C-alpha atoms as a PDB file:
ATOM      1  CA  MET A   1    -136.303  75.677  -6.922  1.00  0.00           C
ATOM      2  CA  SER A   2    -136.114  79.461  -6.548  1.00  0.00           C
ATOM      3  CA  ASP A   3    -136.754  81.034  -3.161  1.00  0.00           C
ATOM      4  CA  PRO A   4    -140.448  81.547  -2.361  1.00  0.00           C
ATOM      5  CA  ARG A   5    -141.840  85.040  -2.766  1.00  0.00           C
ATOM      6  CA  LEU A   6    -143.340  86.975   0.119  1.00  0.00           C
ATOM      7  CA  VAL A   7    -146.644  88.765  -0.525  1.00  0.00           C
ATOM      8  CA  VAL A   8    -147.331  91.528   1.992  1.00  0.00           C
ATOM      9  CA  MET A   9    -150.923  92.748   2.273  1.00  0.00           C
ATOM     10  CA  ALA A  10    -150.575  96.455   3.047  1.00  0.00           C
ATOM     11  CA  ALA A  11    -153.639  98.096   1.492  1.00  0.00           C
ATOM     12  CA  GLY A  12    -155.633  98.445   4.726  1.00  0.00           C
ATOM     13  CA  MET A  13    -155.600 101.962   6.093  1.00  0.00           C
ATOM     14  CA  GLY A  14    -156.020 101.008   9.756  1.00  0.00           C
ATOM     15  CA  SER A  15    -159.461 102.406  10.615  1.00  0.00           C
ATOM     16  CA  ARG A  16    -159.330 101.249  14.246  1.00  0.00           C
ATOM     17  CA  TYR A  17    -155.827 102.654  14.613  1.00  0.00           C
ATOM     18  CA  GLY A  18    -156.648 106.012  13.086  1.00  0.00           C
ATOM     19  CA  GLY A  19    -153.992 106.451  10.428  1.00  0.00           C
ATOM     20  CA  LEU A  20    -151.490 104.734   8.133  1.00  0.00           C
ATOM     21  CA  LYS A  21    -150.263 102.334  10.814  1.00  0.00           C
ATOM     22  CA  GLN A  22    -148.103 100.352   8.387  1.00  0.00           C
ATOM     23  CA  LEU A  23    -145.570 103.219   8.418  1.00  0.00           C
ATOM     24  CA  GLU A  24    -145.639 103.910  12.164  1.00  0.00           C
ATOM     25  CA  PRO A  25    -142.092 103.741  13.679  1.00  0.00           C
ATOM     26  CA  VAL A  26    -141.609 101.169  16.464  1.00  0.00           C
ATOM     27  CA  GLY A  27    -137.845 100.527  16.346  1.00  0.00           C
ATOM     28  CA  PRO A  28    -135.063 102.650  17.916  1.00  0.00           C
ATOM     29  CA  SER A  29    -133.874 103.891  14.521  1.00  0.00           C
ATOM     30  CA  GLY A  30    -137.322 104.517  13.073  1.00  0.00           C
ATOM     31  CA  GLU A  31    -137.957 100.945  11.929  1.00  0.00           C
ATOM     32  CA  ILE A  32    -141.558  99.926  11.252  1.00  0.00           C
ATOM     33  CA  ILE A  33    -143.040  96.482  11.915  1.00  0.00           C
ATOM     34  CA  LEU A  34    -142.742  95.765   8.201  1.00  0.00           C
ATOM     35  CA  ASP A  35    -138.963  96.192   8.431  1.00  0.00           C
ATOM     36  CA  TYR A  36    -138.697  93.439  11.021  1.00  0.00           C
ATOM     37  CA  SER A  37    -141.045  91.184   9.066  1.00  0.00           C
ATOM     38  CA  VAL A  38    -139.043  91.427   5.840  1.00  0.00           C
ATOM     39  CA  TYR A  39    -135.740  91.203   7.730  1.00  0.00           C
ATOM     40  CA  ASP A  40    -136.882  87.928   9.301  1.00  0.00           C
ATOM     41  CA  ALA A  41    -138.250  86.645   5.991  1.00  0.00           C
ATOM     42  CA  LEU A  42    -135.039  87.346   4.072  1.00  0.00           C
ATOM     43  CA  ASN A  43    -132.926  85.708   6.787  1.00  0.00           C
ATOM     44  CA  ALA A  44    -135.214  82.677   6.664  1.00  0.00           C
ATOM     45  CA  GLY A  45    -134.683  82.286   2.916  1.00  0.00           C
ATOM     46  CA  PHE A  46    -137.508  84.143   1.193  1.00  0.00           C
ATOM     47  CA  GLY A  47    -136.762  85.833  -2.093  1.00  0.00           C
ATOM     48  CA  PRO A  48    -138.467  88.799  -3.802  1.00  0.00           C
ATOM     49  CA  VAL A  49    -141.124  90.732  -1.888  1.00  0.00           C
ATOM     50  CA  VAL A  50    -144.478  91.815  -3.351  1.00  0.00           C
ATOM     51  CA  PHE A  51    -146.350  94.671  -1.646  1.00  0.00           C
ATOM     52  CA  VAL A  52    -150.103  94.864  -2.182  1.00  0.00           C
ATOM     53  CA  ILE A  53    -151.058  98.512  -1.624  1.00  0.00           C
ATOM     54  CA  LYS A  54    -153.570 101.140  -2.661  1.00  0.00           C
ATOM     55  CA  GLU A  55    -152.517 103.424  -5.480  1.00  0.00           C
ATOM     56  CA  GLU A  56    -152.682 106.475  -3.241  1.00  0.00           C
ATOM     57  CA  MET A  57    -150.145 104.860  -0.892  1.00  0.00           C
ATOM     58  CA  GLU A  58    -147.535 104.259  -3.574  1.00  0.00           C
ATOM     59  CA  GLU A  59    -145.496 107.429  -3.097  1.00  0.00           C
ATOM     60  CA  ALA A  60    -145.285 106.991   0.693  1.00  0.00           C
ATOM     61  CA  PHE A  61    -144.343 103.332   0.342  1.00  0.00           C
ATOM     62  CA  ARG A  62    -141.699 103.929  -2.292  1.00  0.00           C
ATOM     63  CA  GLU A  63    -140.208 106.714  -0.191  1.00  0.00           C
ATOM     64  CA  ARG A  64    -140.086 104.633   2.985  1.00  0.00           C
ATOM     65  CA  VAL A  65    -139.612 101.059   1.779  1.00  0.00           C
ATOM     66  CA  GLY A  66    -137.483 101.702  -1.293  1.00  0.00           C
ATOM     67  CA  LYS A  67    -134.677 103.274   0.741  1.00  0.00           C
ATOM     68  CA  THR A  68    -134.404 100.354   3.161  1.00  0.00           C
ATOM     69  CA  ILE A  69    -135.929  97.057   2.074  1.00  0.00           C
ATOM     70  CA  GLY A  70    -135.503  97.965  -1.587  1.00  0.00           C
ATOM     71  CA  LYS A  71    -131.719  97.971  -1.162  1.00  0.00           C
ATOM     72  CA  ARG A  72    -131.707  94.426   0.209  1.00  0.00           C
ATOM     73  CA  CYS A  73    -134.034  92.557  -2.132  1.00  0.00           C
ATOM     74  CA  GLU A  74    -136.143  92.781  -5.265  1.00  0.00           C
ATOM     75  CA  ILE A  75    -139.505  94.404  -4.543  1.00  0.00           C
ATOM     76  CA  THR A  76    -142.669  94.728  -6.632  1.00  0.00           C
ATOM     77  CA  TYR A  77    -145.745  96.879  -5.980  1.00  0.00           C
ATOM     78  CA  VAL A  78    -149.218  95.772  -7.028  1.00  0.00           C
ATOM     79  CA  PHE A  79    -152.419  97.702  -6.436  1.00  0.00           C
ATOM     80  CA  GLN A  80    -155.542  96.396  -4.757  1.00  0.00           C
ATOM     81  CA  ARG A  81    -158.222  98.143  -6.784  1.00  0.00           C
ATOM     82  CA  LEU A  82    -161.947  97.966  -6.198  1.00  0.00           C
ATOM     83  CA  ASP A  83    -162.578  97.340  -9.906  1.00  0.00           C
ATOM     84  CA  ASP A  84    -160.008  94.540 -10.218  1.00  0.00           C
ATOM     85  CA  VAL A  85    -162.597  91.777 -10.134  1.00  0.00           C
ATOM     86  CA  PRO A  86    -163.180  88.621 -12.192  1.00  0.00           C
ATOM     87  CA  GLU A  87    -164.513  89.168 -15.699  1.00  0.00           C
ATOM     88  CA  GLY A  88    -168.292  89.230 -15.793  1.00  0.00           C
ATOM     89  CA  TYR A  89    -168.829  90.999 -12.471  1.00  0.00           C
ATOM     90  CA  THR A  90    -169.764  94.677 -12.205  1.00  0.00           C
ATOM     91  CA  VAL A  91    -168.940  96.491  -8.972  1.00  0.00           C
ATOM     92  CA  PRO A  92    -172.169  97.913  -7.506  1.00  0.00           C
ATOM     93  CA  PRO A  93    -172.272 101.686  -6.864  1.00  0.00           C
ATOM     94  CA  VAL A  94    -172.831 101.123  -3.110  1.00  0.00           C
ATOM     95  CA  ARG A  95    -169.395  99.485  -2.749  1.00  0.00           C
ATOM     96  CA  SER A  96    -166.483 101.794  -1.926  1.00  0.00           C
ATOM     97  CA  LYS A  97    -164.180  99.840   0.425  1.00  0.00           C
ATOM     98  CA  PRO A  98    -161.630  97.141  -0.589  1.00  0.00           C
ATOM     99  CA  TRP A  99    -162.915  93.594  -0.931  1.00  0.00           C
ATOM    100  CA  GLY A 100    -160.789  92.028   1.839  1.00  0.00           C
ATOM    101  CA  THR A 101    -157.806  89.740   2.292  1.00  0.00           C
ATOM    102  CA  ALA A 102    -158.739  87.154  -0.349  1.00  0.00           C
ATOM    103  CA  HIS A 103    -158.990  89.940  -2.914  1.00  0.00           C
ATOM    104  CA  ALA A 104    -155.666  91.391  -1.728  1.00  0.00           C
ATOM    105  CA  ALA A 105    -153.975  88.066  -2.431  1.00  0.00           C
ATOM    106  CA  PHE A 106    -155.767  87.857  -5.798  1.00  0.00           C
ATOM    107  CA  SER A 107    -154.213  91.224  -6.729  1.00  0.00           C
ATOM    108  CA  ALA A 108    -150.756  89.606  -6.827  1.00  0.00           C
ATOM    109  CA  ARG A 109    -151.675  86.919  -9.392  1.00  0.00           C
ATOM    110  CA  PHE A 110    -149.708  88.414 -12.294  1.00  0.00           C
ATOM    111  CA  VAL A 111    -146.353  88.513 -10.471  1.00  0.00           C
ATOM    112  CA  ILE A 112    -146.353  85.057  -8.835  1.00  0.00           C
ATOM    113  CA  ASP A 113    -145.243  81.896 -10.633  1.00  0.00           C
ATOM    114  CA  GLY A 114    -144.212  79.603  -7.771  1.00  0.00           C
ATOM    115  CA  PRO A 115    -144.867  78.867  -4.071  1.00  0.00           C
ATOM    116  CA  PHE A 116    -145.390  82.009  -2.053  1.00  0.00           C
ATOM    117  CA  ALA A 117    -146.314  83.256   1.413  1.00  0.00           C
ATOM    118  CA  VAL A 118    -148.935  85.830   2.384  1.00  0.00           C
ATOM    119  CA  ILE A 119    -148.680  88.034   5.486  1.00  0.00           C
ATOM    120  CA  ASN A 120    -150.193  91.227   6.899  1.00  0.00           C
ATOM    121  CA  ALA A 121    -148.036  94.348   6.795  1.00  0.00           C
ATOM    122  CA  ASP A 122    -148.839  95.439  10.342  1.00  0.00           C
ATOM    123  CA  ASP A 123    -148.311  92.145  12.218  1.00  0.00           C
ATOM    124  CA  PHE A 124    -145.074  90.997  13.852  1.00  0.00           C
ATOM    125  CA  TYR A 125    -144.839  87.219  13.470  1.00  0.00           C
ATOM    126  CA  GLY A 126    -141.398  86.266  14.827  1.00  0.00           C
ATOM    127  CA  ARG A 127    -138.445  84.779  12.962  1.00  0.00           C
ATOM    128  CA  GLY A 128    -139.285  81.175  13.852  1.00  0.00           C
ATOM    129  CA  SER A 129    -142.563  81.502  11.976  1.00  0.00           C
ATOM    130  CA  TYR A 130    -140.792  82.481   8.757  1.00  0.00           C
ATOM    131  CA  ARG A 131    -138.317  79.615   9.051  1.00  0.00           C
ATOM    132  CA  ALA A 132    -141.137  77.092   9.370  1.00  0.00           C
ATOM    133  CA  LEU A 133    -142.990  78.649   6.446  1.00  0.00           C
ATOM    134  CA  VAL A 134    -140.091  78.784   3.995  1.00  0.00           C
ATOM    135  CA  GLY A 135    -139.055  75.252   4.924  1.00  0.00           C
ATOM    136  CA  TYR A 136    -142.462  73.927   3.945  1.00  0.00           C
ATOM    137  CA  LEU A 137    -142.853  76.010   0.791  1.00  0.00           C
ATOM    138  CA  ARG A 138    -139.587  74.777  -0.706  1.00  0.00           C
ATOM    139  CA  GLY A 139    -141.169  71.347  -0.994  1.00  0.00           C
ATOM    140  CA  ALA A 140    -144.774  72.387  -1.682  1.00  0.00           C
ATOM    141  CA  GLN A 141    -146.293  70.696  -4.726  1.00  0.00           C
ATOM    142  CA  ASP A 142    -149.895  70.142  -5.786  1.00  0.00           C
ATOM    143  CA  ARG A 143    -150.571  66.444  -6.394  1.00  0.00           C
ATOM    144  CA  ASP A 144    -153.444  64.411  -7.819  1.00  0.00           C
ATOM    145  CA  GLY A 145    -155.843  67.346  -7.911  1.00  0.00           C
ATOM    146  CA  THR A 146    -155.163  68.346  -4.296  1.00  0.00           C
ATOM    147  CA  TYR A 147    -153.541  71.694  -3.535  1.00  0.00           C
ATOM    148  CA  ASP A 148    -150.601  71.725  -1.120  1.00  0.00           C
ATOM    149  CA  TYR A 149    -150.887  74.702   1.243  1.00  0.00           C
ATOM    150  CA  CYS A 150    -149.727  75.536   4.768  1.00  0.00           C
ATOM    151  CA  MET A 151    -150.512  77.963   7.565  1.00  0.00           C
ATOM    152  CA  VAL A 152    -148.576  79.107  10.611  1.00  0.00           C
ATOM    153  CA  GLY A 153    -150.742  78.369  13.648  1.00  0.00           C
ATOM    154  CA  PHE A 154    -150.450  80.742  16.595  1.00  0.00           C
ATOM    155  CA  VAL A 155    -151.666  80.241  20.167  1.00  0.00           C
ATOM    156  CA  LEU A 156    -154.640  82.563  20.641  1.00  0.00           C
ATOM    157  CA  ARG A 157    -153.481  84.072  23.937  1.00  0.00           C
ATOM    158  CA  ASN A 158    -150.215  85.086  22.246  1.00  0.00           C
ATOM    159  CA  THR A 159    -152.097  87.168  19.686  1.00  0.00           C
ATOM    160  CA  LEU A 160    -154.398  89.390  21.762  1.00  0.00           C
ATOM    161  CA  THR A 161    -154.194  93.067  22.630  1.00  0.00           C
ATOM    162  CA  ASP A 162    -155.052  94.651  25.980  1.00  0.00           C
ATOM    163  CA  HIS A 163    -156.730  97.574  24.269  1.00  0.00           C
ATOM    164  CA  GLY A 164    -159.725  96.226  22.368  1.00  0.00           C
ATOM    165  CA  HIS A 165    -160.898  93.513  20.035  1.00  0.00           C
ATOM    166  CA  VAL A 166    -159.157  91.823  17.115  1.00  0.00           C
ATOM    167  CA  ALA A 167    -160.102  89.586  14.185  1.00  0.00           C
ATOM    168  CA  ARG A 168    -158.737  86.043  14.204  1.00  0.00           C
ATOM    169  CA  GLY A 169    -159.366  82.867  12.243  1.00  0.00           C
ATOM    170  CA  VAL A 170    -160.034  80.157  14.855  1.00  0.00           C
ATOM    171  CA  CYS A 171    -158.830  76.768  13.608  1.00  0.00           C
ATOM    172  CA  ARG A 172    -159.650  73.089  14.009  1.00  0.00           C
ATOM    173  CA  VAL A 173    -156.558  70.915  13.547  1.00  0.00           C
ATOM    174  CA  ASP A 174    -156.665  67.137  13.134  1.00  0.00           C
ATOM    175  CA  GLU A 175    -154.339  64.662  14.862  1.00  0.00           C
ATOM    176  CA  ASP A 176    -152.024  64.602  11.838  1.00  0.00           C
ATOM    177  CA  GLY A 177    -151.484  68.359  11.948  1.00  0.00           C
ATOM    178  CA  PHE A 178    -153.716  69.334   9.043  1.00  0.00           C
ATOM    179  CA  LEU A 179    -156.300  72.101   9.136  1.00  0.00           C
ATOM    180  CA  GLU A 180    -159.843  70.725   9.360  1.00  0.00           C
ATOM    181  CA  GLY A 181    -161.653  74.035   9.332  1.00  0.00           C
ATOM    182  CA  ILE A 182    -161.320  77.710  10.099  1.00  0.00           C
ATOM    183  CA  ARG A 183    -163.803  80.353  11.105  1.00  0.00           C
ATOM    184  CA  GLU A 184    -163.101  84.060  11.034  1.00  0.00           C
ATOM    185  CA  HIS A 185    -164.263  85.941  14.124  1.00  0.00           C
ATOM    186  CA  THR A 186    -164.026  89.709  13.720  1.00  0.00           C
ATOM    187  CA  ARG A 187    -164.471  90.594  17.398  1.00  0.00           C
ATOM    188  CA  ILE A 188    -162.310  88.598  19.837  1.00  0.00           C
ATOM    189  CA  GLU A 189    -160.998  90.081  23.057  1.00  0.00           C
ATOM    190  CA  LYS A 190    -158.998  89.063  26.103  1.00  0.00           C
ATOM    191  CA  LEU A 191    -160.713  87.432  29.077  1.00  0.00           C
ATOM    192  CA  GLY A 192    -158.022  86.711  31.639  1.00  0.00           C
ATOM    193  CA  GLU A 193    -155.977  83.761  30.329  1.00  0.00           C
ATOM    194  CA  SER A 194    -158.789  82.928  27.924  1.00  0.00           C
ATOM    195  CA  ALA A 195    -160.722  84.965  25.376  1.00  0.00           C
ATOM    196  CA  ARG A 196    -164.266  85.600  24.218  1.00  0.00           C
ATOM    197  CA  TYR A 197    -165.940  86.544  20.968  1.00  0.00           C
ATOM    198  CA  THR A 198    -169.239  87.948  19.797  1.00  0.00           C
ATOM    199  CA  GLU A 199    -171.042  87.964  16.482  1.00  0.00           C
ATOM    200  CA  ASP A 200    -173.644  90.605  17.314  1.00  0.00           C
ATOM    201  CA  GLY A 201    -172.008  92.719  20.022  1.00  0.00           C
ATOM    202  CA  LYS A 202    -174.433  91.373  22.633  1.00  0.00           C
ATOM    203  CA  ALA A 203    -173.991  87.637  23.189  1.00  0.00           C
ATOM    204  CA  TRP A 204    -170.445  86.552  24.113  1.00  0.00           C
ATOM    205  CA  VAL A 205    -168.895  83.077  23.815  1.00  0.00           C
ATOM    206  CA  GLU A 206    -165.829  82.098  25.837  1.00  0.00           C
ATOM    207  CA  ILE A 207    -162.982  80.379  24.007  1.00  0.00           C
ATOM    208  CA  SER A 208    -159.770  78.756  25.271  1.00  0.00           C
ATOM    209  CA  GLY A 209    -156.594  80.804  25.173  1.00  0.00           C
ATOM    210  CA  ASP A 210    -154.839  77.679  23.872  1.00  0.00           C
ATOM    211  CA  SER A 211    -156.904  77.691  20.675  1.00  0.00           C
ATOM    212  CA  VAL A 212    -154.952  77.637  17.415  1.00  0.00           C
ATOM    213  CA  VAL A 213    -155.569  80.720  15.308  1.00  0.00           C
ATOM    214  CA  SER A 214    -154.598  82.046  11.927  1.00  0.00           C
ATOM    215  CA  MET A 215    -152.816  85.391  11.739  1.00  0.00           C
ATOM    216  CA  ASN A 216    -153.017  85.471   7.931  1.00  0.00           C
ATOM    217  CA  MET A 217    -149.586  83.883   7.628  1.00  0.00           C
ATOM    218  CA  TRP A 218    -150.126  81.432   4.804  1.00  0.00           C
ATOM    219  CA  GLY A 219    -148.153  79.402   2.299  1.00  0.00           C
ATOM    220  CA  PHE A 220    -149.660  78.693  -1.130  1.00  0.00           C
ATOM    221  CA  THR A 221    -148.946  77.439  -4.611  1.00  0.00           C
ATOM    222  CA  PRO A 222    -150.149  79.526  -7.602  1.00  0.00           C
ATOM    223  CA  SER A 223    -153.226  77.290  -7.845  1.00  0.00           C
ATOM    224  CA  LEU A 224    -154.793  79.582  -5.240  1.00  0.00           C
ATOM    225  CA  PHE A 225    -155.463  82.331  -7.777  1.00  0.00           C
ATOM    226  CA  SER A 226    -157.922  80.398  -9.919  1.00  0.00           C
ATOM    227  CA  GLN A 227    -159.793  79.433  -6.764  1.00  0.00           C
ATOM    228  CA  LEU A 228    -159.967  83.032  -5.575  1.00  0.00           C
ATOM    229  CA  GLU A 229    -161.323  84.073  -8.959  1.00  0.00           C
ATOM    230  CA  SER A 230    -164.022  81.410  -9.255  1.00  0.00           C
ATOM    231  CA  ARG A 231    -165.176  81.672  -5.624  1.00  0.00           C
ATOM    232  CA  PHE A 232    -165.568  85.442  -5.770  1.00  0.00           C
ATOM    233  CA  PHE A 233    -168.903  85.013  -7.531  1.00  0.00           C
ATOM    234  CA  HIS A 234    -170.224  82.791  -4.738  1.00  0.00           C
ATOM    235  CA  PHE A 235    -169.127  85.413  -2.225  1.00  0.00           C
ATOM    236  CA  THR A 236    -170.995  88.189  -4.035  1.00  0.00           C
ATOM    237  CA  GLN A 237    -174.152  86.078  -4.336  1.00  0.00           C
ATOM    238  CA  THR A 238    -174.058  85.118  -0.668  1.00  0.00           C
ATOM    239  CA  HIS A 239    -173.662  88.759   0.372  1.00  0.00           C
ATOM    240  CA  ARG A 240    -176.132  90.466  -1.946  1.00  0.00           C
ATOM    241  CA  GLY A 241    -177.833  91.992   1.094  1.00  0.00           C
ATOM    242  CA  ASP A 242    -174.663  93.537   2.540  1.00  0.00           C
ATOM    243  CA  ILE A 243    -172.428  93.850  -0.509  1.00  0.00           C
ATOM    244  CA  ASP A 244    -171.563  97.416   0.497  1.00  0.00           C
ATOM    245  CA  ARG A 245    -169.507  96.193   3.484  1.00  0.00           C
ATOM    246  CA  ALA A 246    -169.006  92.385   3.289  1.00  0.00           C
ATOM    247  CA  GLU A 247    -165.394  91.188   3.144  1.00  0.00           C
ATOM    248  CA  TYR A 248    -163.941  88.399   1.032  1.00  0.00           C
ATOM    249  CA  PHE A 249    -161.828  86.718   3.714  1.00  0.00           C
ATOM    250  CA  LEU A 250    -158.864  84.541   2.762  1.00  0.00           C
ATOM    251  CA  PRO A 251    -159.440  82.108   5.696  1.00  0.00           C
ATOM    252  CA  ASN A 252    -163.029  81.541   4.564  1.00  0.00           C
ATOM    253  CA  VAL A 253    -161.903  80.625   1.055  1.00  0.00           C
ATOM    254  CA  VAL A 254    -159.292  78.201   2.374  1.00  0.00           C
ATOM    255  CA  GLY A 255    -161.829  76.692   4.766  1.00  0.00           C
ATOM    256  CA  ALA A 256    -164.268  76.043   1.924  1.00  0.00           C
ATOM    257  CA  MET A 257    -161.538  74.368  -0.137  1.00  0.00           C
ATOM    258  CA  ILE A 258    -160.704  72.067   2.766  1.00  0.00           C
ATOM    259  CA  GLN A 259    -164.339  71.102   3.241  1.00  0.00           C
ATOM    260  CA  GLU A 260    -164.612  70.258  -0.455  1.00  0.00           C
ATOM    261  CA  GLY A 261    -161.432  68.175  -0.341  1.00  0.00           C
ATOM    262  CA  VAL A 262    -159.555  70.175  -2.966  1.00  0.00           C
ATOM    263  CA  ALA A 263    -156.824  71.436  -0.596  1.00  0.00           C
ATOM    264  CA  ARG A 264    -154.755  70.105   2.286  1.00  0.00           C
ATOM    265  CA  VAL A 265    -153.320  72.700   4.652  1.00  0.00           C
ATOM    266  CA  ARG A 266    -150.494  71.724   6.963  1.00  0.00           C
ATOM    267  CA  VAL A 267    -150.546  73.710  10.212  1.00  0.00           C
ATOM    268  CA  LEU A 268    -147.057  74.800  11.261  1.00  0.00           C
ATOM    269  CA  PRO A 269    -147.289  75.438  15.014  1.00  0.00           C
ATOM    270  CA  THR A 270    -145.413  78.339  16.583  1.00  0.00           C
ATOM    271  CA  ASN A 271    -145.061  79.720  20.086  1.00  0.00           C
ATOM    272  CA  GLU A 272    -143.939  83.081  18.755  1.00  0.00           C
ATOM    273  CA  ARG A 273    -145.706  86.033  20.283  1.00  0.00           C
ATOM    274  CA  TRP A 274    -147.599  88.358  17.984  1.00  0.00           C
ATOM    275  CA  PHE A 275    -147.130  92.116  18.196  1.00  0.00           C
ATOM    276  CA  GLY A 276    -149.174  94.662  16.316  1.00  0.00           C
ATOM    277  CA  VAL A 277    -150.480  98.207  16.389  1.00  0.00           C
ATOM    278  CA  THR A 278    -154.173  97.497  16.032  1.00  0.00           C
ATOM    279  CA  TYR A 279    -154.794 100.453  18.354  1.00  0.00           C
ATOM    280  CA  ARG A 280    -152.634 103.484  19.161  1.00  0.00           C
ATOM    281  CA  GLN A 281    -152.384 102.276  22.761  1.00  0.00           C
ATOM    282  CA  ASP A 282    -150.507  99.200  21.487  1.00  0.00           C
ATOM    283  CA  LYS A 283    -147.527 101.193  20.250  1.00  0.00           C
ATOM    284  CA  PRO A 284    -145.588 101.590  23.564  1.00  0.00           C
ATOM    285  CA  GLN A 285    -145.811  97.833  24.223  1.00  0.00           C
ATOM    286  CA  VAL A 286    -144.628  97.008  20.724  1.00  0.00           C
ATOM    287  CA  LYS A 287    -141.676  99.372  21.065  1.00  0.00           C
ATOM    288  CA  GLU A 288    -140.680  97.776  24.373  1.00  0.00           C
ATOM    289  CA  ALA A 289    -141.020  94.274  22.934  1.00  0.00           C
ATOM    290  CA  ILE A 290    -138.714  95.216  20.055  1.00  0.00           C
ATOM    291  CA  ARG A 291    -136.253  96.736  22.501  1.00  0.00           C
ATOM    292  CA  ASP A 292    -136.222  93.485  24.501  1.00  0.00           C
ATOM    293  CA  LEU A 293    -135.429  91.486  21.349  1.00  0.00           C
ATOM    294  CA  ILE A 294    -132.561  93.858  20.564  1.00  0.00           C
ATOM    295  CA  ARG A 295    -131.186  93.341  24.080  1.00  0.00           C
ATOM    296  CA  LEU A 296    -131.352  89.587  23.498  1.00  0.00           C
ATOM    297  CA  GLY A 297    -129.367  89.963  20.268  1.00  0.00           C
ATOM    298  CA  VAL A 298    -132.214  88.916  17.973  1.00  0.00           C
ATOM    299  CA  TYR A 299    -131.997  92.203  16.061  1.00  0.00           C
ATOM    300  CA  PRO A 300    -129.276  94.845  15.695  1.00  0.00           C
ATOM    301  CA  GLU A 301    -129.860  98.336  17.025  1.00  0.00           C
ATOM    302  CA  ARG A 302    -130.000  99.673  13.462  1.00  0.00           C
ATOM    303  CA  LEU A 303    -131.782  97.031  11.429  1.00  0.00           C
ATOM    304  CA  TRP A 304    -130.651  98.023   7.933  1.00  0.00           C
ATOM    305  CA  ALA A 305    -127.268  99.530   8.809  1.00  0.00           C
END
């Protein structure tokens, strides 16, 4: 079996951050988080890398990524376009923003023909997470009408920022290590050693810091694409009242497939600590965390030297 591909969702422009955060330097030689992610993925055994971007980002990405990552592996760019929707659906005039993470993954359907992973461009996942993911994907195989997927499960307290709220998919995991359900919360914030979330900005619900969460680090077989296509219509019908801003979330699609019994998702637990630049105030902490890993010998001073 060929090495699994890595699909990197990089089309988000970082509204909370205030700029193109995917290209923000955090390493001592100008490395971005994406450099460390791909470096870890390649060392773990992943093969070609697919970047899902907006068309207007292509020049900046080719200039930055082509000179580093592009010299170490095969890379492909695909565009997440608002009008790239299943046949039979017309994009309403009120919609101007991208459709969300499920649609980003759907954008890569023409360049994937085997097991693959999906990650966010602006999240640092840790090398152990990639090793677990590639190990599972090399044996992934749909059987008897059931799709064989996996997800890296992070500890919630290891994924929070001190500077605001984040979106996380909170998971229920059964005793055999399979995902029972997942619910996307778009506003979770730190609360001491625990956390809390709100749906309306007024009422808050406390949640354990030990909760297992999704960081959009998934492993799939190509069967996912037909599911993303067919379920898009249900999404648009459900959100007719807020179709201008509703997002087609990848965790919600996977959760629905689990509930219907068409997919089994193995949760691959990790104690890796997440780093990200959700907010500009996060950047100094991310830079220091990278520096600590360099001191420990995890990464070289110049990543692509």
